[in-house]
Amino acid sequence: ASEAAEWGTILEPTILREFARRNGLCVVGRAHDGTPVMFLGDGTLGMYVPTAAERLLDTLRHPDHPWMMCHLDGVALSEDGVEIVGIVEAKTSGAYRSGEWGDADDAIPEEYVVQTQHALEIVRAVTGRTLPAYVPVLIGGQRWRQYTVHYDAELVASLIEIEREFWARVEAGNPPPAEADERGARALAKLYPQHDEGREIVAEPGSELEALARQLADAKAALADAEIRVTAAENAIKERMAEAAKVVGAGFSVTWKTQTRRMVDYKALLA
């Protein structure tokens, strides 16, 4: 696990306890040693843990889709600690990702939308109840936000089909093709971290590999041509702008500002 994930685990009980206190609810979660505990609405620990809530802390499996499983961070109960009113997913986030946590009630990062909807479907199938997911998050170690994600039947139906296809690939040992973006490049770099100097593959004429190699060559040539045309257009515009900082037109604007690099004269500074 990464250091960020490790700190998320360490802070999970603290976030669950604070969520209970701020909302006047009881929350069943796990202490730092893994034992089930109940955090009360006044910020203290309860004397017992309701059995029904404790069972939901175990690894849950969907009764109709056995490849769907989840492990909840916490279970929210009513103020009297009797009725289950939702599930809780406690999160920590670095300050650099603060922009991904929006102002709307359910504006959380995409991967957590997927996670909570996945969990809510399993909880619905296990308990027969459609519950909300509460997502408290501590951003940058000092900024508190909390969100509520409601069950979305249409999104869940899509997720089930995506997961079904993914699990079929797992069972068949047939991984999906790499994403055609930077994520795919990162995945391939992890999958094949070292090259074999003595290995060479011959692309047969008319093969898919040959077609892809030619496609790459054409794309690189087009990119080089585009870069030349961009530079030519920039130079032509700059020449006509002269000392002007900006040119505006119908639906566009171009700026050209001189960049000044400031250097410190360390010899003069020391003197």
C-alpha atoms as a PDB file:
ATOM      1  CA  ALA A   1       0.000   0.000   0.000  1.00  0.00           C
ATOM      2  CA  SER A   2       1.128   3.554  -0.679  1.00  0.00           C
ATOM      3  CA  GLU A   3       1.882   5.966   2.154  1.00  0.00           C
ATOM      4  CA  ALA A   4      -1.324   7.878   1.307  1.00  0.00           C
ATOM      5  CA  ALA A   5      -3.376   4.666   1.595  1.00  0.00           C
ATOM      6  CA  GLU A   6      -1.661   3.825   4.893  1.00  0.00           C
ATOM      7  CA  TRP A   7      -2.578   7.211   6.358  1.00  0.00           C
ATOM      8  CA  GLY A   8      -6.128   6.755   5.092  1.00  0.00           C
ATOM      9  CA  THR A   9      -6.379   3.549   7.113  1.00  0.00           C
ATOM     10  CA  ILE A  10      -4.874   5.183  10.212  1.00  0.00           C
ATOM     11  CA  LEU A  11      -7.281   8.136  10.063  1.00  0.00           C
ATOM     12  CA  GLU A  12     -10.411   6.120   9.207  1.00  0.00           C
ATOM     13  CA  PRO A  13     -11.638   5.651  12.819  1.00  0.00           C
ATOM     14  CA  THR A  14     -11.007   9.346  13.536  1.00  0.00           C
ATOM     15  CA  ILE A  15     -13.045  10.431  10.491  1.00  0.00           C
ATOM     16  CA  LEU A  16     -15.905   8.057  11.380  1.00  0.00           C
ATOM     17  CA  ARG A  17     -15.954   9.374  14.940  1.00  0.00           C
ATOM     18  CA  GLU A  18     -15.986  12.998  13.770  1.00  0.00           C
ATOM     19  CA  PHE A  19     -18.739  12.260  11.242  1.00  0.00           C
ATOM     20  CA  ALA A  20     -20.881  10.803  14.041  1.00  0.00           C
ATOM     21  CA  ARG A  21     -20.255  13.840  16.244  1.00  0.00           C
ATOM     22  CA  ARG A  22     -20.942  16.431  13.548  1.00  0.00           C
ATOM     23  CA  ASN A  23     -24.188  14.772  12.451  1.00  0.00           C
ATOM     24  CA  GLY A  24     -25.588  13.530  15.743  1.00  0.00           C
ATOM     25  CA  LEU A  25     -25.662   9.949  14.488  1.00  0.00           C
ATOM     26  CA  CYS A  26     -24.225   6.686  15.703  1.00  0.00           C
ATOM     27  CA  VAL A  27     -21.633   5.073  13.428  1.00  0.00           C
ATOM     28  CA  VAL A  28     -20.427   1.501  13.667  1.00  0.00           C
ATOM     29  CA  GLY A  29     -16.889   1.069  12.378  1.00  0.00           C
ATOM     30  CA  ARG A  30     -13.588  -0.447  13.397  1.00  0.00           C
ATOM     31  CA  ALA A  31     -11.015   0.806  15.851  1.00  0.00           C
ATOM     32  CA  HIS A  32      -7.327   1.002  14.987  1.00  0.00           C
ATOM     33  CA  ASP A  33      -6.864  -2.618  16.111  1.00  0.00           C
ATOM     34  CA  GLY A  34      -9.720  -3.796  13.861  1.00  0.00           C
ATOM     35  CA  THR A  35     -12.300  -4.473  16.560  1.00  0.00           C
ATOM     36  CA  PRO A  36     -15.880  -3.250  15.870  1.00  0.00           C
ATOM     37  CA  VAL A  37     -16.847  -0.123  17.824  1.00  0.00           C
ATOM     38  CA  MET A  38     -19.749   2.311  17.859  1.00  0.00           C
ATOM     39  CA  PHE A  39     -19.093   6.038  17.800  1.00  0.00           C
ATOM     40  CA  LEU A  40     -21.908   8.026  19.387  1.00  0.00           C
ATOM     41  CA  GLY A  41     -23.342  11.350  18.312  1.00  0.00           C
ATOM     42  CA  ASP A  42     -21.644  13.149  21.213  1.00  0.00           C
ATOM     43  CA  GLY A  43     -18.195  11.966  20.095  1.00  0.00           C
ATOM     44  CA  THR A  44     -17.831   9.216  22.702  1.00  0.00           C
ATOM     45  CA  LEU A  45     -17.704   5.441  22.301  1.00  0.00           C
ATOM     46  CA  GLY A  46     -20.787   3.286  22.818  1.00  0.00           C
ATOM     47  CA  MET A  47     -20.941   0.402  25.239  1.00  0.00           C
ATOM     48  CA  TYR A  48     -22.094  -2.147  22.646  1.00  0.00           C
ATOM     49  CA  VAL A  49     -22.200  -2.731  18.891  1.00  0.00           C
ATOM     50  CA  PRO A  50     -25.551  -3.697  17.290  1.00  0.00           C
ATOM     51  CA  THR A  51     -25.283  -7.118  15.670  1.00  0.00           C
ATOM     52  CA  ALA A  52     -27.043  -6.146  12.418  1.00  0.00           C
ATOM     53  CA  ALA A  53     -24.639  -3.253  11.832  1.00  0.00           C
ATOM     54  CA  GLU A  54     -21.582  -5.314  12.785  1.00  0.00           C
ATOM     55  CA  ARG A  55     -22.511  -7.937  10.183  1.00  0.00           C
ATOM     56  CA  LEU A  56     -22.405  -5.286   7.479  1.00  0.00           C
ATOM     57  CA  LEU A  57     -18.743  -4.638   8.331  1.00  0.00           C
ATOM     58  CA  ASP A  58     -17.858  -8.123   7.105  1.00  0.00           C
ATOM     59  CA  THR A  59     -16.987  -8.695   3.458  1.00  0.00           C
ATOM     60  CA  LEU A  60     -20.340  -8.507   1.687  1.00  0.00           C
ATOM     61  CA  ARG A  61     -21.159 -10.542  -1.421  1.00  0.00           C
ATOM     62  CA  HIS A  62     -24.015  -9.876  -3.828  1.00  0.00           C
ATOM     63  CA  PRO A  63     -26.440 -12.837  -3.719  1.00  0.00           C
ATOM     64  CA  ASP A  64     -27.124 -12.717  -7.476  1.00  0.00           C
ATOM     65  CA  HIS A  65     -23.663 -11.708  -8.710  1.00  0.00           C
ATOM     66  CA  PRO A  66     -21.072 -13.523  -6.561  1.00  0.00           C
ATOM     67  CA  TRP A  67     -18.214 -11.617  -8.229  1.00  0.00           C
ATOM     68  CA  MET A  68     -19.578  -8.371  -6.679  1.00  0.00           C
ATOM     69  CA  MET A  69     -18.123  -7.831  -3.207  1.00  0.00           C
ATOM     70  CA  CYS A  70     -17.382  -4.875  -0.948  1.00  0.00           C
ATOM     71  CA  HIS A  71     -16.022  -3.987   2.465  1.00  0.00           C
ATOM     72  CA  LEU A  72     -17.689  -1.009   4.154  1.00  0.00           C
ATOM     73  CA  ASP A  73     -15.834   1.522   6.299  1.00  0.00           C
ATOM     74  CA  GLY A  74     -18.818   2.193   8.537  1.00  0.00           C
ATOM     75  CA  VAL A  75     -22.565   1.893   9.039  1.00  0.00           C
ATOM     76  CA  ALA A  76     -24.609   4.942  10.070  1.00  0.00           C
ATOM     77  CA  LEU A  77     -27.390   4.451  12.615  1.00  0.00           C
ATOM     78  CA  SER A  78     -30.109   6.748  13.890  1.00  0.00           C
ATOM     79  CA  GLU A  79     -29.332   8.908  16.930  1.00  0.00           C
ATOM     80  CA  ASP A  80     -30.721   6.227  19.257  1.00  0.00           C
ATOM     81  CA  GLY A  81     -28.460   3.611  17.658  1.00  0.00           C
ATOM     82  CA  VAL A  82     -31.337   1.401  16.497  1.00  0.00           C
ATOM     83  CA  GLU A  83     -32.130   1.943  12.809  1.00  0.00           C
ATOM     84  CA  ILE A  84     -29.586   1.622  10.001  1.00  0.00           C
ATOM     85  CA  VAL A  85     -29.830   4.842   7.961  1.00  0.00           C
ATOM     86  CA  GLY A  86     -26.883   4.580   5.570  1.00  0.00           C
ATOM     87  CA  ILE A  87     -23.349   3.428   4.925  1.00  0.00           C
ATOM     88  CA  VAL A  88     -20.239   5.545   5.496  1.00  0.00           C
ATOM     89  CA  GLU A  89     -17.129   5.665   3.313  1.00  0.00           C
ATOM     90  CA  ALA A  90     -14.428   7.676   5.108  1.00  0.00           C
ATOM     91  CA  LYS A  91     -11.873   9.320   2.815  1.00  0.00           C
ATOM     92  CA  THR A  92      -8.655  11.287   3.021  1.00  0.00           C
ATOM     93  CA  SER A  93      -7.416  13.386   0.121  1.00  0.00           C
ATOM     94  CA  GLY A  94      -4.291  15.349  -0.660  1.00  0.00           C
ATOM     95  CA  ALA A  95      -4.619  19.117  -1.011  1.00  0.00           C
ATOM     96  CA  TYR A  96      -3.547  18.841  -4.667  1.00  0.00           C
ATOM     97  CA  ARG A  97      -6.826  16.984  -5.368  1.00  0.00           C
ATOM     98  CA  SER A  98      -9.057  19.406  -3.510  1.00  0.00           C
ATOM     99  CA  GLY A  99     -10.512  20.691  -6.788  1.00  0.00           C
ATOM    100  CA  GLU A 100     -12.066  17.262  -7.437  1.00  0.00           C
ATOM    101  CA  TRP A 101     -14.326  17.651  -4.403  1.00  0.00           C
ATOM    102  CA  GLY A 102     -17.125  19.949  -5.562  1.00  0.00           C
ATOM    103  CA  ASP A 103     -19.689  22.115  -3.820  1.00  0.00           C
ATOM    104  CA  ALA A 104     -22.754  20.017  -4.710  1.00  0.00           C
ATOM    105  CA  ASP A 105     -24.053  17.529  -2.147  1.00  0.00           C
ATOM    106  CA  ASP A 106     -22.790  14.543  -4.145  1.00  0.00           C
ATOM    107  CA  ALA A 107     -19.888  16.107  -6.112  1.00  0.00           C
ATOM    108  CA  ILE A 108     -17.186  13.570  -5.274  1.00  0.00           C
ATOM    109  CA  PRO A 109     -14.400  12.195  -7.534  1.00  0.00           C
ATOM    110  CA  GLU A 110     -15.531   9.758 -10.198  1.00  0.00           C
ATOM    111  CA  GLU A 111     -13.807   6.700  -8.726  1.00  0.00           C
ATOM    112  CA  TYR A 112     -15.666   7.189  -5.441  1.00  0.00           C
ATOM    113  CA  VAL A 113     -18.990   7.521  -7.271  1.00  0.00           C
ATOM    114  CA  VAL A 114     -18.307   4.104  -8.785  1.00  0.00           C
ATOM    115  CA  GLN A 115     -17.207   2.642  -5.446  1.00  0.00           C
ATOM    116  CA  THR A 116     -20.219   3.908  -3.491  1.00  0.00           C
ATOM    117  CA  GLN A 117     -22.776   2.859  -6.127  1.00  0.00           C
ATOM    118  CA  HIS A 118     -21.158  -0.586  -6.261  1.00  0.00           C
ATOM    119  CA  ALA A 119     -21.397  -0.880  -2.472  1.00  0.00           C
ATOM    120  CA  LEU A 120     -24.956   0.480  -2.304  1.00  0.00           C
ATOM    121  CA  GLU A 121     -26.129  -2.155  -4.795  1.00  0.00           C
ATOM    122  CA  ILE A 122     -24.576  -4.946  -2.718  1.00  0.00           C
ATOM    123  CA  VAL A 123     -26.087  -3.539   0.501  1.00  0.00           C
ATOM    124  CA  ARG A 124     -29.484  -3.263  -1.221  1.00  0.00           C
ATOM    125  CA  ALA A 125     -29.299  -6.881  -2.379  1.00  0.00           C
ATOM    126  CA  VAL A 126     -28.170  -8.126   1.048  1.00  0.00           C
ATOM    127  CA  THR A 127     -30.530  -6.100   3.271  1.00  0.00           C
ATOM    128  CA  GLY A 128     -33.430  -5.421   0.913  1.00  0.00           C
ATOM    129  CA  ARG A 129     -33.113  -1.688   1.648  1.00  0.00           C
ATOM    130  CA  THR A 130     -32.026   1.191  -0.566  1.00  0.00           C
ATOM    131  CA  LEU A 131     -29.745   3.347   1.580  1.00  0.00           C
ATOM    132  CA  PRO A 132     -27.618   6.451   0.954  1.00  0.00           C
ATOM    133  CA  ALA A 133     -23.836   6.536   1.219  1.00  0.00           C
ATOM    134  CA  TYR A 134     -22.290   9.247   3.388  1.00  0.00           C
ATOM    135  CA  VAL A 135     -18.800  10.261   2.274  1.00  0.00           C
ATOM    136  CA  PRO A 136     -16.874  12.403   4.795  1.00  0.00           C
ATOM    137  CA  VAL A 137     -13.436  13.482   3.600  1.00  0.00           C
ATOM    138  CA  LEU A 138     -10.460  15.160   5.266  1.00  0.00           C
ATOM    139  CA  ILE A 139      -8.635  17.186   2.590  1.00  0.00           C
ATOM    140  CA  GLY A 140      -4.999  18.066   3.106  1.00  0.00           C
ATOM    141  CA  GLY A 141      -5.194  16.882   6.700  1.00  0.00           C
ATOM    142  CA  GLN A 142      -7.162  19.948   7.859  1.00  0.00           C
ATOM    143  CA  ARG A 143     -10.200  20.665   5.683  1.00  0.00           C
ATOM    144  CA  TRP A 144     -13.444  18.770   6.386  1.00  0.00           C
ATOM    145  CA  ARG A 145     -16.119  18.108   3.771  1.00  0.00           C
ATOM    146  CA  GLN A 146     -18.963  15.605   3.655  1.00  0.00           C
ATOM    147  CA  TYR A 147     -21.229  14.376   0.876  1.00  0.00           C
ATOM    148  CA  THR A 148     -24.286  12.184   0.378  1.00  0.00           C
ATOM    149  CA  VAL A 149     -24.548   9.792  -2.577  1.00  0.00           C
ATOM    150  CA  HIS A 150     -27.958   8.302  -3.316  1.00  0.00           C
ATOM    151  CA  TYR A 151     -28.572   4.981  -5.045  1.00  0.00           C
ATOM    152  CA  ASP A 152     -28.751   5.384  -8.838  1.00  0.00           C
ATOM    153  CA  ALA A 153     -30.471   2.354 -10.403  1.00  0.00           C
ATOM    154  CA  GLU A 154     -29.508   3.290 -13.970  1.00  0.00           C
ATOM    155  CA  LEU A 155     -25.836   3.760 -13.120  1.00  0.00           C
ATOM    156  CA  VAL A 156     -25.821   0.544 -11.089  1.00  0.00           C
ATOM    157  CA  ALA A 157     -27.246  -1.413 -14.042  1.00  0.00           C
ATOM    158  CA  SER A 158     -24.417  -0.098 -16.230  1.00  0.00           C
ATOM    159  CA  LEU A 159     -21.813  -0.943 -13.596  1.00  0.00           C
ATOM    160  CA  ILE A 160     -23.077  -4.507 -13.271  1.00  0.00           C
ATOM    161  CA  GLU A 161     -22.681  -5.086 -17.009  1.00  0.00           C
ATOM    162  CA  ILE A 162     -19.199  -3.523 -17.018  1.00  0.00           C
ATOM    163  CA  GLU A 163     -18.158  -5.651 -14.035  1.00  0.00           C
ATOM    164  CA  ARG A 164     -19.674  -8.784 -15.569  1.00  0.00           C
ATOM    165  CA  GLU A 165     -17.598  -8.283 -18.726  1.00  0.00           C
ATOM    166  CA  PHE A 166     -14.479  -7.509 -16.695  1.00  0.00           C
ATOM    167  CA  TRP A 167     -14.849 -10.636 -14.537  1.00  0.00           C
ATOM    168  CA  ALA A 168     -15.379 -12.783 -17.635  1.00  0.00           C
ATOM    169  CA  ARG A 169     -12.015 -11.479 -18.880  1.00  0.00           C
ATOM    170  CA  VAL A 170     -10.422 -12.351 -15.523  1.00  0.00           C
ATOM    171  CA  GLU A 171     -11.744 -15.917 -15.676  1.00  0.00           C
ATOM    172  CA  ALA A 172     -10.621 -16.294 -19.290  1.00  0.00           C
ATOM    173  CA  GLY A 173      -7.221 -14.701 -18.664  1.00  0.00           C
ATOM    174  CA  ASN A 174      -8.014 -12.164 -21.378  1.00  0.00           C
ATOM    175  CA  PRO A 175      -7.006  -8.649 -20.246  1.00  0.00           C
ATOM    176  CA  PRO A 176      -8.699  -5.666 -21.907  1.00  0.00           C
ATOM    177  CA  PRO A 177      -6.691  -3.600 -24.414  1.00  0.00           C
ATOM    178  CA  ALA A 178      -4.698  -0.666 -23.079  1.00  0.00           C
ATOM    179  CA  GLU A 179      -6.537   2.639 -22.779  1.00  0.00           C
ATOM    180  CA  ALA A 180      -5.753   4.966 -25.666  1.00  0.00           C
ATOM    181  CA  ASP A 181      -4.524   7.723 -23.338  1.00  0.00           C
ATOM    182  CA  GLU A 182      -1.927   8.487 -20.677  1.00  0.00           C
ATOM    183  CA  ARG A 183      -3.528   5.961 -18.292  1.00  0.00           C
ATOM    184  CA  GLY A 184      -2.858   3.216 -20.823  1.00  0.00           C
ATOM    185  CA  ALA A 185       0.756   4.331 -21.163  1.00  0.00           C
ATOM    186  CA  ARG A 186       1.231   4.204 -17.369  1.00  0.00           C
ATOM    187  CA  ALA A 187      -0.351   0.753 -17.181  1.00  0.00           C
ATOM    188  CA  LEU A 188       1.925  -0.612 -19.911  1.00  0.00           C
ATOM    189  CA  ALA A 189       4.978   0.907 -18.200  1.00  0.00           C
ATOM    190  CA  LYS A 190       4.084  -1.014 -15.033  1.00  0.00           C
ATOM    191  CA  LEU A 191       3.252  -4.208 -16.917  1.00  0.00           C
ATOM    192  CA  TYR A 192       6.521  -4.193 -18.919  1.00  0.00           C
ATOM    193  CA  PRO A 193       9.060  -2.217 -16.808  1.00  0.00           C
ATOM    194  CA  GLN A 194      12.151  -3.721 -18.503  1.00  0.00           C
ATOM    195  CA  HIS A 195      12.940  -4.471 -22.141  1.00  0.00           C
ATOM    196  CA  ASP A 196      14.726  -7.569 -23.496  1.00  0.00           C
ATOM    197  CA  GLU A 197      17.719  -6.363 -25.519  1.00  0.00           C
ATOM    198  CA  GLY A 198      18.030  -9.662 -27.362  1.00  0.00           C
ATOM    199  CA  ARG A 199      14.400 -10.001 -28.391  1.00  0.00           C
ATOM    200  CA  GLU A 200      13.105  -8.771 -31.736  1.00  0.00           C
ATOM    201  CA  ILE A 201       9.661  -9.152 -33.309  1.00  0.00           C
ATOM    202  CA  VAL A 202       9.199  -9.197 -37.071  1.00  0.00           C
ATOM    203  CA  ALA A 203       6.044  -7.475 -38.310  1.00  0.00           C
ATOM    204  CA  GLU A 204       4.773  -9.627 -41.165  1.00  0.00           C
ATOM    205  CA  PRO A 205       3.542  -7.780 -44.289  1.00  0.00           C
ATOM    206  CA  GLY A 206      -0.184  -7.144 -44.043  1.00  0.00           C
ATOM    207  CA  SER A 207      -0.290  -7.931 -40.317  1.00  0.00           C
ATOM    208  CA  GLU A 208      -2.066  -5.846 -37.689  1.00  0.00           C
ATOM    209  CA  LEU A 209       1.294  -4.979 -36.105  1.00  0.00           C
ATOM    210  CA  GLU A 210       2.613  -3.633 -39.417  1.00  0.00           C
ATOM    211  CA  ALA A 211      -0.538  -1.544 -39.868  1.00  0.00           C
ATOM    212  CA  LEU A 212      -0.152  -0.108 -36.364  1.00  0.00           C
ATOM    213  CA  ALA A 213       3.530   0.720 -36.984  1.00  0.00           C
ATOM    214  CA  ARG A 214       2.609   2.583 -40.179  1.00  0.00           C
ATOM    215  CA  GLN A 215      -0.207   4.339 -38.335  1.00  0.00           C
ATOM    216  CA  LEU A 216       2.296   5.503 -35.697  1.00  0.00           C
ATOM    217  CA  ALA A 217       4.724   6.752 -38.357  1.00  0.00           C
ATOM    218  CA  ASP A 218       1.951   8.664 -40.132  1.00  0.00           C
ATOM    219  CA  ALA A 219       0.747  10.191 -36.841  1.00  0.00           C
ATOM    220  CA  LYS A 220       4.264  11.345 -35.919  1.00  0.00           C
ATOM    221  CA  ALA A 221       4.739  12.864 -39.367  1.00  0.00           C
ATOM    222  CA  ALA A 222       1.407  14.677 -39.071  1.00  0.00           C
ATOM    223  CA  LEU A 223       2.373  15.912 -35.598  1.00  0.00           C
ATOM    224  CA  ALA A 224       5.715  17.268 -36.875  1.00  0.00           C
ATOM    225  CA  ASP A 225       3.930  19.019 -39.744  1.00  0.00           C
ATOM    226  CA  ALA A 226       1.358  20.477 -37.354  1.00  0.00           C
ATOM    227  CA  GLU A 227       4.113  21.815 -35.084  1.00  0.00           C
ATOM    228  CA  ILE A 228       5.761  23.531 -38.074  1.00  0.00           C
ATOM    229  CA  ARG A 229       2.429  25.101 -39.100  1.00  0.00           C
ATOM    230  CA  VAL A 230       1.776  26.235 -35.502  1.00  0.00           C
ATOM    231  CA  THR A 231       5.190  27.946 -35.318  1.00  0.00           C
ATOM    232  CA  ALA A 232       4.666  29.548 -38.732  1.00  0.00           C
ATOM    233  CA  ALA A 233       1.242  30.907 -37.736  1.00  0.00           C
ATOM    234  CA  GLU A 234       2.589  32.179 -34.393  1.00  0.00           C
ATOM    235  CA  ASN A 235       5.468  33.992 -36.074  1.00  0.00           C
ATOM    236  CA  ALA A 236       3.181  35.584 -38.656  1.00  0.00           C
ATOM    237  CA  ILE A 237       0.809  36.824 -35.950  1.00  0.00           C
ATOM    238  CA  LYS A 238       3.653  38.126 -33.758  1.00  0.00           C
ATOM    239  CA  GLU A 239       5.121  39.975 -36.727  1.00  0.00           C
ATOM    240  CA  ARG A 240       1.831  41.811 -37.274  1.00  0.00           C
ATOM    241  CA  MET A 241       1.238  42.460 -33.567  1.00  0.00           C
ATOM    242  CA  ALA A 242       4.649  44.117 -33.083  1.00  0.00           C
ATOM    243  CA  GLU A 243       4.683  45.506 -29.505  1.00  0.00           C
ATOM    244  CA  ALA A 244       0.963  44.872 -28.920  1.00  0.00           C
ATOM    245  CA  ALA A 245       0.209  42.463 -26.055  1.00  0.00           C
ATOM    246  CA  LYS A 246      -3.084  41.123 -27.409  1.00  0.00           C
ATOM    247  CA  VAL A 247      -5.123  40.746 -30.587  1.00  0.00           C
ATOM    248  CA  VAL A 248      -8.856  40.015 -30.431  1.00  0.00           C
ATOM    249  CA  GLY A 249     -11.357  38.892 -33.040  1.00  0.00           C
ATOM    250  CA  ALA A 250     -14.751  37.265 -33.442  1.00  0.00           C
ATOM    251  CA  GLY A 251     -14.639  34.428 -30.928  1.00  0.00           C
ATOM    252  CA  PHE A 252     -10.875  34.354 -30.350  1.00  0.00           C
ATOM    253  CA  SER A 253      -7.999  36.201 -28.731  1.00  0.00           C
ATOM    254  CA  VAL A 254      -4.218  35.837 -28.918  1.00  0.00           C
ATOM    255  CA  THR A 255      -1.755  37.172 -26.349  1.00  0.00           C
ATOM    256  CA  TRP A 256       1.973  37.724 -26.695  1.00  0.00           C
ATOM    257  CA  LYS A 257       3.821  38.900 -23.621  1.00  0.00           C
ATOM    258  CA  THR A 258       7.540  39.115 -23.127  1.00  0.00           C
ATOM    259  CA  GLN A 259       8.823  36.704 -20.470  1.00  0.00           C
ATOM    260  CA  THR A 260      11.557  38.148 -18.248  1.00  0.00           C
ATOM    261  CA  ARG A 261      13.810  35.835 -16.280  1.00  0.00           C
ATOM    262  CA  ARG A 262      15.133  37.386 -13.100  1.00  0.00           C
ATOM    263  CA  MET A 263      18.568  36.290 -11.915  1.00  0.00           C
ATOM    264  CA  VAL A 264      20.186  36.908  -8.549  1.00  0.00           C
ATOM    265  CA  ASP A 265      23.729  38.347  -8.582  1.00  0.00           C
ATOM    266  CA  TYR A 266      24.999  36.203  -5.729  1.00  0.00           C
ATOM    267  CA  LYS A 267      28.491  37.840  -5.701  1.00  0.00           C
ATOM    268  CA  ALA A 268      26.901  41.283  -5.231  1.00  0.00           C
ATOM    269  CA  LEU A 269      24.533  39.845  -2.656  1.00  0.00           C
ATOM    270  CA  LEU A 270      27.388  38.349  -0.615  1.00  0.00           C
ATOM    271  CA  ALA A 271      29.370  41.609  -0.901  1.00  0.00           C
END
